[in-house]
Amino acid sequence: MNTFTVSFFGHREIERPFVIEQRLEAVITDLMKKKEYIEFFVGRDGEFDQLASSTVCRVAKRLEYGNTALVLVLPYMRAEYRDNEDSFHKYYDEVEICEESAAAYSAAAFKKRNRLMVDRSDLVICCVERKEGGAYSTIRYAERSGKSILNLADDKNFSDKM
């Protein structure tokens, strides 16, 4: 089976959530219709991550496709996950704790986890509206790594211009 892998990255707060959600839904729908099997890697660290996760679940349910896996990638064991493991596994198809980043201190753990997600990805979908912060830094890494990147915040990539 050919697996296509997508990672999501974005700022903790997004400026135009309805526009971004609409674009995200269109992109995810298109991917699910065209790809044999897709693994979607996501964190749980802000508005964009939550939007990406819920959109993947909604589109997969609407299309009734079993060709996806939504994978939560945590930088280290978190109390929220440890205390609610059953709930996490009901929502996400898989939960990974990134061993490579678990030993790092908090800020470095996120950076290391994000880079490992990029390294494993065929496509990086992001919502980067500002040239600062962890999401921007991760996208710069993805560019240097030669990854395909789709920035949902970049109006020139879309015709909706809402």
N, C-alpha and C. Protein backbone atom coordinates (compact mmCIF):
# COMPACT_ATOMS: atom_id res chain seq x y z
N MET A 1 0.85 -1.17 0.00
CA MET A 1 0.00 0.00 0.00
C MET A 1 0.89 1.24 0.00
N ASN A 2 0.58 2.19 -0.85
CA ASN A 2 1.31 3.46 -0.89
C ASN A 2 0.77 4.39 0.18
N THR A 3 1.63 4.77 1.11
CA THR A 3 1.23 5.70 2.17
C THR A 3 1.76 7.08 1.85
N PHE A 4 0.88 8.06 1.88
CA PHE A 4 1.22 9.46 1.69
C PHE A 4 1.10 10.10 3.06
N THR A 5 2.10 10.89 3.45
CA THR A 5 2.12 11.44 4.80
C THR A 5 2.06 12.96 4.78
N VAL A 6 1.18 13.50 5.61
CA VAL A 6 0.95 14.94 5.70
C VAL A 6 1.14 15.37 7.15
N SER A 7 1.87 16.47 7.34
CA SER A 7 2.00 17.07 8.67
C SER A 7 1.36 18.45 8.67
N PHE A 8 0.80 18.81 9.81
CA PHE A 8 0.16 20.12 9.97
C PHE A 8 0.94 20.96 10.98
N PHE A 9 1.12 22.25 10.63
CA PHE A 9 1.77 23.20 11.53
C PHE A 9 1.12 24.56 11.38
N GLY A 10 0.92 25.24 12.49
CA GLY A 10 0.35 26.58 12.43
C GLY A 10 0.56 27.30 13.75
N HIS A 11 0.29 28.59 13.70
CA HIS A 11 0.39 29.41 14.91
C HIS A 11 -0.67 28.98 15.93
N ARG A 12 -0.40 29.26 17.17
CA ARG A 12 -1.36 28.91 18.24
C ARG A 12 -2.71 29.58 18.00
N GLU A 13 -2.70 30.81 17.54
CA GLU A 13 -3.93 31.53 17.22
C GLU A 13 -3.92 31.87 15.74
N ILE A 14 -5.07 31.68 15.08
CA ILE A 14 -5.17 32.01 13.66
C ILE A 14 -6.17 33.14 13.47
N GLU A 15 -5.88 33.99 12.49
CA GLU A 15 -6.65 35.21 12.29
C GLU A 15 -7.98 35.00 11.57
N ARG A 16 -8.03 34.09 10.61
CA ARG A 16 -9.24 33.89 9.81
C ARG A 16 -9.66 32.41 9.86
N PRO A 17 -10.13 31.95 11.00
CA PRO A 17 -10.38 30.51 11.14
C PRO A 17 -11.39 29.94 10.14
N PHE A 18 -12.42 30.69 9.79
CA PHE A 18 -13.42 30.16 8.86
C PHE A 18 -12.86 30.00 7.45
N VAL A 19 -12.06 30.94 7.02
CA VAL A 19 -11.42 30.86 5.70
C VAL A 19 -10.44 29.69 5.69
N ILE A 20 -9.63 29.59 6.73
CA ILE A 20 -8.64 28.52 6.81
C ILE A 20 -9.33 27.15 6.86
N GLU A 21 -10.41 27.04 7.61
CA GLU A 21 -11.13 25.77 7.69
C GLU A 21 -11.71 25.37 6.33
N GLN A 22 -12.23 26.33 5.60
CA GLN A 22 -12.78 26.07 4.27
C GLN A 22 -11.69 25.56 3.33
N ARG A 23 -10.56 26.21 3.34
CA ARG A 23 -9.44 25.80 2.50
C ARG A 23 -8.92 24.42 2.92
N LEU A 24 -8.81 24.22 4.21
CA LEU A 24 -8.34 22.95 4.75
C LEU A 24 -9.26 21.81 4.33
N GLU A 25 -10.55 22.04 4.43
CA GLU A 25 -11.50 21.00 4.05
C GLU A 25 -11.38 20.64 2.57
N ALA A 26 -11.22 21.64 1.72
CA ALA A 26 -11.07 21.39 0.28
C ALA A 26 -9.80 20.59 -0.01
N VAL A 27 -8.70 20.95 0.62
CA VAL A 27 -7.42 20.26 0.40
C VAL A 27 -7.48 18.83 0.91
N ILE A 28 -8.01 18.63 2.10
CA ILE A 28 -8.09 17.29 2.68
C ILE A 28 -9.03 16.41 1.86
N THR A 29 -10.15 16.95 1.42
CA THR A 29 -11.08 16.19 0.58
C THR A 29 -10.38 15.73 -0.69
N ASP A 30 -9.66 16.64 -1.33
CA ASP A 30 -8.95 16.31 -2.56
C ASP A 30 -7.90 15.21 -2.32
N LEU A 31 -7.14 15.34 -1.25
CA LEU A 31 -6.13 14.33 -0.92
C LEU A 31 -6.76 12.96 -0.68
N MET A 32 -7.84 12.93 0.09
CA MET A 32 -8.48 11.66 0.41
C MET A 32 -9.04 10.98 -0.84
N LYS A 33 -9.47 11.76 -1.79
CA LYS A 33 -10.02 11.19 -3.02
C LYS A 33 -8.91 10.68 -3.95
N LYS A 34 -7.72 11.27 -3.86
CA LYS A 34 -6.65 10.94 -4.80
C LYS A 34 -5.62 9.94 -4.28
N LYS A 35 -5.42 9.88 -2.98
CA LYS A 35 -4.35 9.06 -2.41
C LYS A 35 -4.89 7.73 -1.91
N GLU A 36 -4.06 6.70 -2.04
CA GLU A 36 -4.45 5.37 -1.61
C GLU A 36 -4.61 5.29 -0.09
N TYR A 37 -3.63 5.83 0.64
CA TYR A 37 -3.69 5.83 2.10
C TYR A 37 -2.91 7.04 2.61
N ILE A 38 -3.48 7.75 3.59
CA ILE A 38 -2.85 8.97 4.10
C ILE A 38 -2.72 8.89 5.61
N GLU A 39 -1.51 9.20 6.09
CA GLU A 39 -1.29 9.42 7.51
C GLU A 39 -1.19 10.92 7.73
N PHE A 40 -2.03 11.44 8.60
CA PHE A 40 -2.01 12.85 8.96
C PHE A 40 -1.37 12.99 10.33
N PHE A 41 -0.22 13.67 10.40
CA PHE A 41 0.47 13.92 11.67
C PHE A 41 0.09 15.30 12.19
N VAL A 42 -0.29 15.35 13.44
CA VAL A 42 -0.70 16.62 14.03
C VAL A 42 -0.25 16.68 15.48
N GLY A 43 0.00 17.90 15.95
CA GLY A 43 0.26 18.13 17.36
C GLY A 43 -1.06 18.49 18.02
N ARG A 44 -1.00 19.03 19.17
CA ARG A 44 -2.22 19.43 19.89
C ARG A 44 -1.87 20.70 20.65
N ASP A 45 -1.36 21.67 19.89
CA ASP A 45 -0.73 22.81 20.54
C ASP A 45 -1.32 24.17 20.19
N GLY A 46 -2.48 24.20 19.58
CA GLY A 46 -3.06 25.49 19.26
C GLY A 46 -4.28 25.36 18.36
N GLU A 47 -4.83 26.49 17.97
CA GLU A 47 -6.05 26.52 17.17
C GLU A 47 -5.91 25.77 15.85
N PHE A 48 -4.80 25.96 15.16
CA PHE A 48 -4.66 25.30 13.86
C PHE A 48 -4.60 23.79 14.01
N ASP A 49 -3.89 23.29 15.00
CA ASP A 49 -3.83 21.85 15.22
C ASP A 49 -5.22 21.28 15.48
N GLN A 50 -6.00 21.96 16.30
CA GLN A 50 -7.35 21.49 16.60
C GLN A 50 -8.23 21.54 15.36
N LEU A 51 -8.08 22.60 14.58
CA LEU A 51 -8.85 22.75 13.34
C LEU A 51 -8.48 21.65 12.35
N ALA A 52 -7.20 21.37 12.22
CA ALA A 52 -6.75 20.32 11.29
C ALA A 52 -7.29 18.96 11.72
N SER A 53 -7.19 18.64 12.99
CA SER A 53 -7.67 17.35 13.50
C SER A 53 -9.16 17.18 13.26
N SER A 54 -9.94 18.18 13.62
CA SER A 54 -11.39 18.06 13.46
C SER A 54 -11.79 18.00 12.00
N THR A 55 -11.07 18.70 11.14
CA THR A 55 -11.39 18.68 9.71
C THR A 55 -11.06 17.32 9.10
N VAL A 56 -9.94 16.73 9.46
CA VAL A 56 -9.60 15.38 8.98
C VAL A 56 -10.70 14.40 9.39
N CYS A 57 -11.10 14.45 10.64
CA CYS A 57 -12.15 13.53 11.13
C CYS A 57 -13.47 13.76 10.40
N ARG A 58 -13.86 15.00 10.24
CA ARG A 58 -15.13 15.33 9.58
C ARG A 58 -15.14 14.88 8.11
N VAL A 59 -14.08 15.15 7.38
CA VAL A 59 -14.01 14.79 5.97
C VAL A 59 -13.98 13.27 5.81
N ALA A 60 -13.21 12.59 6.64
CA ALA A 60 -13.14 11.12 6.55
C ALA A 60 -14.52 10.51 6.81
N LYS A 61 -15.23 11.06 7.76
CA LYS A 61 -16.58 10.55 8.07
C LYS A 61 -17.54 10.84 6.92
N ARG A 62 -17.48 12.06 6.39
CA ARG A 62 -18.38 12.44 5.28
C ARG A 62 -18.13 11.59 4.05
N LEU A 63 -16.87 11.34 3.72
CA LEU A 63 -16.53 10.56 2.53
C LEU A 63 -16.64 9.06 2.77
N GLU A 64 -16.74 8.68 4.05
CA GLU A 64 -16.78 7.27 4.44
C GLU A 64 -15.59 6.51 3.88
N TYR A 65 -14.41 7.16 3.96
CA TYR A 65 -13.19 6.55 3.49
C TYR A 65 -12.44 5.96 4.67
N GLY A 66 -11.94 4.79 4.50
CA GLY A 66 -11.10 4.18 5.52
C GLY A 66 -9.64 4.26 5.15
N ASN A 67 -9.30 5.25 4.34
CA ASN A 67 -7.93 5.34 3.83
C ASN A 67 -7.08 6.36 4.56
N THR A 68 -7.40 6.62 5.84
CA THR A 68 -6.65 7.63 6.57
C THR A 68 -6.35 7.17 7.99
N ALA A 69 -5.33 7.79 8.54
CA ALA A 69 -5.03 7.64 9.97
C ALA A 69 -4.66 9.03 10.49
N LEU A 70 -5.31 9.44 11.56
CA LEU A 70 -4.99 10.69 12.23
C LEU A 70 -4.07 10.35 13.40
N VAL A 71 -2.83 10.83 13.33
CA VAL A 71 -1.81 10.46 14.30
C VAL A 71 -1.41 11.69 15.11
N LEU A 72 -1.65 11.64 16.40
CA LEU A 72 -1.20 12.69 17.31
C LEU A 72 0.24 12.40 17.67
N VAL A 73 1.12 13.38 17.46
CA VAL A 73 2.54 13.22 17.78
C VAL A 73 2.87 14.18 18.92
N LEU A 74 3.08 13.62 20.09
CA LEU A 74 3.42 14.41 21.27
C LEU A 74 4.93 14.51 21.42
N PRO A 75 5.44 15.67 21.87
CA PRO A 75 6.88 15.81 22.03
C PRO A 75 7.44 15.04 23.22
N TYR A 76 6.58 14.73 24.19
CA TYR A 76 6.95 13.99 25.39
C TYR A 76 5.65 13.58 26.07
N MET A 77 5.75 12.71 27.05
CA MET A 77 4.55 12.28 27.79
C MET A 77 3.97 13.50 28.52
N ARG A 78 2.70 13.73 28.31
CA ARG A 78 2.02 14.84 28.97
C ARG A 78 0.99 14.28 29.95
N ALA A 79 0.78 15.00 31.03
CA ALA A 79 -0.20 14.56 32.03
C ALA A 79 -1.59 14.46 31.42
N GLU A 80 -1.93 15.40 30.55
CA GLU A 80 -3.25 15.38 29.90
C GLU A 80 -3.48 14.06 29.16
N TYR A 81 -2.47 13.59 28.46
CA TYR A 81 -2.58 12.31 27.75
C TYR A 81 -2.59 11.14 28.75
N ARG A 82 -1.66 11.15 29.66
CA ARG A 82 -1.55 10.05 30.63
C ARG A 82 -2.86 9.87 31.41
N ASP A 83 -3.50 10.99 31.78
CA ASP A 83 -4.72 10.94 32.59
C ASP A 83 -5.98 10.68 31.77
N ASN A 84 -5.90 10.79 30.46
CA ASN A 84 -7.08 10.64 29.59
C ASN A 84 -6.78 9.78 28.38
N GLU A 85 -5.95 8.79 28.54
CA GLU A 85 -5.48 7.98 27.42
C GLU A 85 -6.62 7.38 26.60
N ASP A 86 -7.65 6.86 27.24
CA ASP A 86 -8.77 6.26 26.52
C ASP A 86 -9.46 7.28 25.61
N SER A 87 -9.67 8.47 26.10
CA SER A 87 -10.32 9.52 25.29
C SER A 87 -9.47 9.89 24.08
N PHE A 88 -8.18 9.98 24.27
CA PHE A 88 -7.28 10.30 23.16
C PHE A 88 -7.36 9.22 22.09
N HIS A 89 -7.39 7.97 22.50
CA HIS A 89 -7.41 6.87 21.53
C HIS A 89 -8.77 6.71 20.85
N LYS A 90 -9.80 7.27 21.42
CA LYS A 90 -11.11 7.28 20.75
C LYS A 90 -11.13 8.33 19.65
N TYR A 91 -10.39 9.41 19.83
CA TYR A 91 -10.38 10.51 18.85
C TYR A 91 -9.31 10.30 17.78
N TYR A 92 -8.10 9.98 18.20
CA TYR A 92 -6.99 9.79 17.26
C TYR A 92 -6.84 8.31 16.94
N ASP A 93 -6.44 8.02 15.70
CA ASP A 93 -6.21 6.63 15.32
C ASP A 93 -4.96 6.08 16.00
N GLU A 94 -3.97 6.94 16.18
CA GLU A 94 -2.73 6.56 16.86
C GLU A 94 -2.23 7.74 17.67
N VAL A 95 -1.50 7.45 18.72
CA VAL A 95 -0.81 8.48 19.49
C VAL A 95 0.64 8.04 19.61
N GLU A 96 1.54 8.92 19.17
CA GLU A 96 2.97 8.65 19.27
C GLU A 96 3.59 9.63 20.24
N ILE A 97 4.51 9.15 21.04
CA ILE A 97 5.31 10.03 21.87
C ILE A 97 6.71 9.99 21.27
N CYS A 98 7.14 11.12 20.81
CA CYS A 98 8.40 11.24 20.08
C CYS A 98 9.58 11.00 21.03
N GLU A 99 10.17 9.83 20.93
CA GLU A 99 11.27 9.47 21.82
C GLU A 99 12.46 10.42 21.67
N GLU A 100 12.72 10.86 20.45
CA GLU A 100 13.88 11.72 20.19
C GLU A 100 13.77 13.06 20.90
N SER A 101 12.54 13.53 21.13
CA SER A 101 12.39 14.84 21.76
C SER A 101 12.06 14.76 23.25
N ALA A 102 11.70 13.59 23.72
CA ALA A 102 11.24 13.44 25.10
C ALA A 102 12.29 13.85 26.13
N ALA A 103 13.55 13.70 25.82
CA ALA A 103 14.61 14.04 26.78
C ALA A 103 14.98 15.52 26.77
N ALA A 104 14.51 16.25 25.76
CA ALA A 104 14.86 17.67 25.64
C ALA A 104 13.98 18.51 26.57
N TYR A 105 14.45 19.72 26.88
CA TYR A 105 13.60 20.62 27.65
C TYR A 105 12.48 21.13 26.75
N SER A 106 11.46 21.70 27.30
CA SER A 106 10.20 21.98 26.62
C SER A 106 10.33 22.62 25.23
N ALA A 107 10.96 23.77 25.13
CA ALA A 107 11.04 24.46 23.83
C ALA A 107 11.80 23.63 22.81
N ALA A 108 12.89 23.03 23.22
CA ALA A 108 13.67 22.21 22.29
C ALA A 108 12.91 20.94 21.91
N ALA A 109 12.10 20.41 22.81
CA ALA A 109 11.33 19.20 22.51
C ALA A 109 10.35 19.44 21.36
N PHE A 110 9.68 20.57 21.37
CA PHE A 110 8.73 20.89 20.31
C PHE A 110 9.44 21.06 18.97
N LYS A 111 10.58 21.74 19.00
CA LYS A 111 11.35 21.95 17.77
C LYS A 111 11.81 20.62 17.19
N LYS A 112 12.33 19.75 18.04
CA LYS A 112 12.81 18.44 17.59
C LYS A 112 11.65 17.60 17.06
N ARG A 113 10.54 17.58 17.78
CA ARG A 113 9.36 16.82 17.34
C ARG A 113 8.87 17.34 15.99
N ASN A 114 8.80 18.65 15.83
CA ASN A 114 8.33 19.24 14.56
C ASN A 114 9.23 18.86 13.40
N ARG A 115 10.54 18.91 13.62
CA ARG A 115 11.47 18.55 12.55
C ARG A 115 11.34 17.08 12.16
N LEU A 116 11.15 16.22 13.14
CA LEU A 116 10.96 14.80 12.83
C LEU A 116 9.66 14.57 12.06
N MET A 117 8.62 15.32 12.39
CA MET A 117 7.37 15.21 11.64
C MET A 117 7.59 15.65 10.19
N VAL A 118 8.29 16.76 10.00
CA VAL A 118 8.60 17.24 8.64
C VAL A 118 9.39 16.18 7.88
N ASP A 119 10.40 15.62 8.51
CA ASP A 119 11.25 14.62 7.86
C ASP A 119 10.43 13.43 7.36
N ARG A 120 9.39 13.08 8.05
CA ARG A 120 8.55 11.92 7.69
C ARG A 120 7.46 12.26 6.68
N SER A 121 7.33 13.53 6.30
CA SER A 121 6.19 13.99 5.51
C SER A 121 6.47 14.11 4.02
N ASP A 122 5.44 13.80 3.24
CA ASP A 122 5.46 14.08 1.80
C ASP A 122 4.96 15.49 1.54
N LEU A 123 4.06 15.96 2.39
CA LEU A 123 3.45 17.28 2.24
C LEU A 123 3.32 17.91 3.62
N VAL A 124 3.62 19.20 3.70
CA VAL A 124 3.43 19.97 4.92
C VAL A 124 2.34 20.99 4.65
N ILE A 125 1.25 20.90 5.40
CA ILE A 125 0.17 21.88 5.30
C ILE A 125 0.27 22.77 6.51
N CYS A 126 0.29 24.08 6.27
CA CYS A 126 0.48 25.00 7.37
C CYS A 126 -0.47 26.18 7.29
N CYS A 127 -0.52 26.91 8.38
CA CYS A 127 -1.21 28.19 8.44
C CYS A 127 -0.24 29.12 9.14
N VAL A 128 0.64 29.70 8.34
CA VAL A 128 1.67 30.59 8.87
C VAL A 128 1.39 31.99 8.35
N GLU A 129 0.98 32.86 9.28
CA GLU A 129 0.58 34.22 8.94
C GLU A 129 1.63 35.26 9.31
N ARG A 130 2.59 34.86 10.16
CA ARG A 130 3.63 35.78 10.63
C ARG A 130 5.00 35.14 10.50
N LYS A 131 6.00 35.96 10.28
CA LYS A 131 7.37 35.46 10.14
C LYS A 131 8.06 35.42 11.50
N GLU A 132 7.44 34.65 12.41
CA GLU A 132 7.99 34.49 13.75
C GLU A 132 7.35 33.27 14.39
N GLY A 133 8.00 32.75 15.40
CA GLY A 133 7.44 31.66 16.18
C GLY A 133 7.83 30.28 15.68
N GLY A 134 7.38 29.29 16.41
CA GLY A 134 7.73 27.90 16.13
C GLY A 134 7.20 27.39 14.79
N ALA A 135 5.98 27.77 14.44
CA ALA A 135 5.42 27.31 13.16
C ALA A 135 6.24 27.87 12.00
N TYR A 136 6.57 29.14 12.07
CA TYR A 136 7.38 29.76 11.01
C TYR A 136 8.75 29.08 10.92
N SER A 137 9.36 28.85 12.05
CA SER A 137 10.67 28.18 12.09
C SER A 137 10.58 26.78 11.48
N THR A 138 9.50 26.06 11.77
CA THR A 138 9.32 24.72 11.22
C THR A 138 9.15 24.76 9.71
N ILE A 139 8.42 25.73 9.21
CA ILE A 139 8.21 25.85 7.75
C ILE A 139 9.52 26.21 7.06
N ARG A 140 10.33 27.04 7.69
CA ARG A 140 11.65 27.35 7.13
C ARG A 140 12.48 26.07 7.03
N TYR A 141 12.41 25.22 8.04
CA TYR A 141 13.11 23.93 8.03
C TYR A 141 12.57 23.07 6.88
N ALA A 142 11.26 23.03 6.71
CA ALA A 142 10.64 22.24 5.63
C ALA A 142 11.11 22.74 4.26
N GLU A 143 11.22 24.04 4.11
CA GLU A 143 11.72 24.62 2.84
C GLU A 143 13.15 24.17 2.59
N ARG A 144 14.00 24.27 3.59
CA ARG A 144 15.41 23.85 3.44
C ARG A 144 15.52 22.36 3.16
N SER A 145 14.54 21.59 3.62
CA SER A 145 14.53 20.13 3.41
C SER A 145 13.92 19.73 2.08
N GLY A 146 13.45 20.71 1.32
CA GLY A 146 12.87 20.43 0.01
C GLY A 146 11.48 19.82 0.05
N LYS A 147 10.76 20.00 1.12
CA LYS A 147 9.41 19.43 1.25
C LYS A 147 8.39 20.26 0.48
N SER A 148 7.34 19.61 0.02
CA SER A 148 6.20 20.31 -0.56
C SER A 148 5.44 20.96 0.58
N ILE A 149 5.12 22.25 0.40
CA ILE A 149 4.47 23.02 1.46
C ILE A 149 3.26 23.74 0.88
N LEU A 150 2.15 23.68 1.59
CA LEU A 150 0.96 24.44 1.23
C LEU A 150 0.58 25.30 2.42
N ASN A 151 0.70 26.62 2.25
CA ASN A 151 0.35 27.54 3.32
C ASN A 151 -1.08 28.03 3.10
N LEU A 152 -1.99 27.60 3.93
CA LEU A 152 -3.40 27.96 3.80
C LEU A 152 -3.65 29.44 4.06
N ALA A 153 -2.72 30.12 4.70
CA ALA A 153 -2.87 31.55 4.97
C ALA A 153 -2.43 32.42 3.79
N ASP A 154 -1.81 31.81 2.79
CA ASP A 154 -1.31 32.56 1.63
C ASP A 154 -2.40 32.65 0.58
N ASP A 155 -3.01 33.84 0.46
CA ASP A 155 -4.14 34.03 -0.45
C ASP A 155 -3.82 33.74 -1.90
N LYS A 156 -2.58 33.91 -2.31
CA LYS A 156 -2.25 33.68 -3.73
C LYS A 156 -2.36 32.20 -4.12
N ASN A 157 -2.41 31.30 -3.13
CA ASN A 157 -2.59 29.88 -3.42
C ASN A 157 -4.04 29.48 -3.61
N PHE A 158 -4.98 30.42 -3.34
CA PHE A 158 -6.39 30.07 -3.36
C PHE A 158 -7.20 31.13 -4.10
N SER A 159 -8.29 30.69 -4.69
CA SER A 159 -9.14 31.62 -5.44
C SER A 159 -10.28 32.19 -4.61
N ASP A 160 -10.50 31.67 -3.39
CA ASP A 160 -11.65 32.12 -2.60
C ASP A 160 -11.49 33.55 -2.06
N LYS A 161 -10.28 33.94 -1.72
CA LYS A 161 -9.94 35.29 -1.24
C LYS A 161 -10.99 35.89 -0.33
N MET A 162 -11.47 35.15 0.64
CA MET A 162 -12.55 35.62 1.52
C MET A 162 -12.05 36.63 2.51
